[in-house]
């Protein structure tokens, strides 16, 4: 019993330490503090570096070419007020990929506000799958991928609003863990209540919410 109590205390202390380290990381990223040293476990360091790359990347919008040769389209975070903007990009994403890829799958987050509108829009499409969380999504994608290492089998096209993109991207990075299957996430956002210029300069809240996804293990 004594050993169990000690083990429980040590586990709690370790959890608190990791939480504090992640809080320190978030503060450093918000303040653009480049002196912060990553001293997490290997998988957590990998996730942080992938999110770092996301914030340095030029993200794609509907003003640019749609990513092609992706086997999987993931639609998430769409609100009813945004649907008229989103539906055109949804159609274009499907057209750009399904015509060149018979193994194209469409995943719809069943928790998003515009879920009913999206499913009605896609009622005549093939290979439409709904999911309730990111772990379920990735597990299903792995099943469809079936250990195929070809590029298109490893590419996920994430479609959401510009206000959500970095956060939902980070959610997927978190669930992929150390990404042993070398999955690639392509981003494609519709601009909602923002400009392209504003999209390129994320807010402190967006930075915080993105890196905070690492905590959700």
Foldseek 3Di string as FASTA:
>chain_A
DVVVVVVVVVVVVVLVVVVVLLVVVLVCVLVVPPVDDDDDDPLLVLLVVVLVVVLVDQAAEPVDDADELAQEEEEDQDAPVCVVQQLVVVVNNCVRYVVVDVNHAYEYACPHHCRVVVCVSCVPPPRYYYDHALLVVVVVLCVSLVLPLDQNSQEYEYEEALLCFLLVVLLNSLNCRNVPSVHHYHYYHYYDPDDSVQSSPDHSVSSSNSSCSNVVD
